Amino acid sequence: MMMKLLRGLMGNIYTNYKVDLATNTSPVVLYTVPDKVQAVIKSIRVSDDSGSGSTITATITDAASAVFSLGKDIVVGAAVPVELLTEPLVAKQGEIITVTPGNADRLHVVLSVLEINNNT
């Protein structure tokens, strides 16, 4: 609720979204671009907290439900964080970033984003 209020008052918000991929190896929604917002995703950082390593797959789904790969079976070594993006990624209202771990209870993911209000 507070983010929605701030978004209405301010043009740009820098924020992050986090997920602990602890429960299973099913796809998990990391981020959905809010209504009336364009997002500039600066970083998707993945780290292994198990000491065993794993892999991760990341996708973006557009408003028409078409799924596009951002990276498939990317190796995340034990205690070696991985940056999934080499350049910022622009995402439109309603687009969804999903991550799927190769193993449960090993990976943490942090997405850093600039959300630009499109209320005009």
Protein backbone atom coordinates (compact mmCIF):
# COMPACT_ATOMS: atom_id res chain seq x y z
CA MET A 1 0.00 0.00 0.00
CA MET A 2 2.79 2.43 0.93
CA MET A 3 4.64 1.76 -2.37
CA LYS A 4 1.42 2.48 -4.28
CA LEU A 5 1.00 5.78 -2.42
CA LEU A 6 4.63 6.75 -2.97
CA ARG A 7 4.40 5.81 -6.65
CA GLY A 8 1.44 8.17 -7.02
CA LEU A 9 3.35 11.05 -5.41
CA MET A 10 6.77 10.52 -6.97
CA GLY A 11 7.86 9.93 -10.53
CA ASN A 12 10.67 7.45 -9.87
CA ILE A 13 11.25 4.87 -7.14
CA TYR A 14 14.43 2.85 -6.66
CA THR A 15 13.65 -0.42 -4.90
CA ASN A 16 14.41 -4.13 -4.80
CA TYR A 17 12.55 -7.42 -4.57
CA LYS A 18 13.92 -10.58 -2.96
CA VAL A 19 13.08 -14.28 -2.95
CA ASP A 20 14.51 -17.29 -1.13
CA LEU A 21 14.03 -20.27 -3.45
CA ALA A 22 13.57 -22.65 -0.53
CA THR A 23 10.54 -24.80 -1.12
CA ASN A 24 10.85 -26.60 -4.46
CA THR A 25 12.11 -26.42 -8.05
CA SER A 26 8.97 -24.87 -9.52
CA PRO A 27 8.97 -21.42 -11.17
CA VAL A 28 8.64 -18.53 -8.68
CA VAL A 29 7.48 -15.02 -9.55
CA LEU A 30 10.24 -12.62 -8.54
CA TYR A 31 8.71 -9.39 -9.86
CA THR A 32 5.64 -8.12 -11.67
CA VAL A 33 5.77 -4.62 -13.13
CA PRO A 34 3.00 -2.64 -11.38
CA ASP A 35 0.14 -0.86 -13.15
CA LYS A 36 1.06 2.48 -14.75
CA VAL A 37 4.78 1.77 -14.32
CA GLN A 38 7.69 1.17 -16.66
CA ALA A 39 10.59 -0.64 -14.99
CA VAL A 40 14.31 -0.42 -15.64
CA ILE A 41 15.73 -3.56 -14.03
CA LYS A 42 19.34 -2.84 -13.15
CA SER A 43 20.32 -6.15 -11.60
CA ILE A 44 19.20 -9.71 -10.92
CA ARG A 45 21.72 -11.13 -8.47
CA VAL A 46 21.72 -14.80 -7.45
CA SER A 47 23.69 -16.33 -4.62
CA ASP A 48 23.99 -19.83 -3.24
CA ASP A 49 23.60 -20.11 0.54
CA SER A 50 23.97 -23.89 0.76
CA GLY A 51 27.62 -24.36 -0.10
CA SER A 52 26.60 -26.88 -2.76
CA GLY A 53 25.90 -24.76 -5.86
CA SER A 54 22.94 -25.03 -8.23
CA THR A 55 21.54 -23.66 -11.47
CA ILE A 56 18.86 -21.09 -12.20
CA THR A 57 16.59 -20.28 -15.14
CA ALA A 58 15.05 -16.82 -15.56
CA THR A 59 12.23 -15.73 -17.88
CA ILE A 60 10.13 -12.68 -18.65
CA THR A 61 6.46 -13.06 -19.59
CA ASP A 62 4.81 -10.29 -21.57
CA ALA A 63 1.21 -9.03 -21.43
CA ALA A 64 0.17 -11.58 -24.08
CA SER A 65 1.50 -14.45 -21.90
CA ALA A 66 4.43 -15.13 -24.24
CA VAL A 67 7.46 -16.39 -22.29
CA PHE A 68 11.00 -15.26 -23.20
CA SER A 69 14.21 -16.69 -21.76
CA LEU A 70 16.62 -14.40 -19.92
CA GLY A 71 18.94 -17.32 -19.17
CA LYS A 72 18.59 -21.08 -18.89
CA ASP A 73 20.41 -23.38 -16.44
CA ILE A 74 22.91 -20.70 -15.42
CA VAL A 75 25.44 -22.19 -13.01
CA VAL A 76 25.58 -20.61 -9.55
CA GLY A 77 28.62 -21.94 -7.75
CA ALA A 78 28.89 -22.43 -4.01
CA ALA A 79 29.57 -19.04 -2.37
CA VAL A 80 29.98 -17.37 -5.80
CA PRO A 81 27.23 -14.80 -6.56
CA VAL A 82 26.12 -14.46 -10.19
CA GLU A 83 24.71 -11.41 -11.97
CA LEU A 84 22.12 -12.49 -14.55
CA LEU A 85 22.03 -9.15 -16.43
CA THR A 86 24.94 -7.57 -18.27
CA GLU A 87 22.85 -4.51 -19.23
CA PRO A 88 19.68 -2.95 -17.77
CA LEU A 89 16.42 -4.61 -18.85
CA VAL A 90 13.35 -2.47 -19.62
CA ALA A 91 10.03 -4.08 -18.70
CA LYS A 92 6.49 -2.81 -19.31
CA GLN A 93 3.40 -2.76 -17.12
CA GLY A 94 2.22 -6.29 -16.28
CA GLU A 95 5.36 -8.09 -17.42
CA ILE A 96 6.55 -10.81 -15.04
CA ILE A 97 10.07 -11.95 -14.11
CA THR A 98 10.12 -15.60 -13.02
CA VAL A 99 13.02 -17.65 -11.66
CA THR A 100 13.31 -21.43 -11.40
CA PRO A 101 16.03 -23.07 -9.28
CA GLY A 102 17.75 -26.30 -10.26
CA ASN A 103 17.67 -27.41 -6.61
CA ALA A 104 15.42 -26.41 -3.72
CA ASP A 105 16.67 -24.56 -0.64
CA ARG A 106 19.94 -23.30 -2.13
CA LEU A 107 19.45 -19.95 -3.88
CA HIS A 108 18.58 -16.36 -2.97
CA VAL A 109 17.67 -13.84 -5.68
CA VAL A 110 17.62 -10.02 -5.45
CA LEU A 111 16.22 -7.84 -8.24
CA SER A 112 17.08 -4.10 -8.20
CA VAL A 113 14.81 -1.83 -10.21
CA LEU A 114 13.96 1.77 -11.05
CA GLU A 115 10.16 2.08 -11.34
CA ILE A 116 9.04 5.03 -13.46
CA ASN A 117 5.51 6.30 -12.91
CA ASN A 118 3.44 6.60 -16.12
CA ASN A 119 0.40 8.34 -14.61
CA THR A 120 0.25 10.94 -17.36
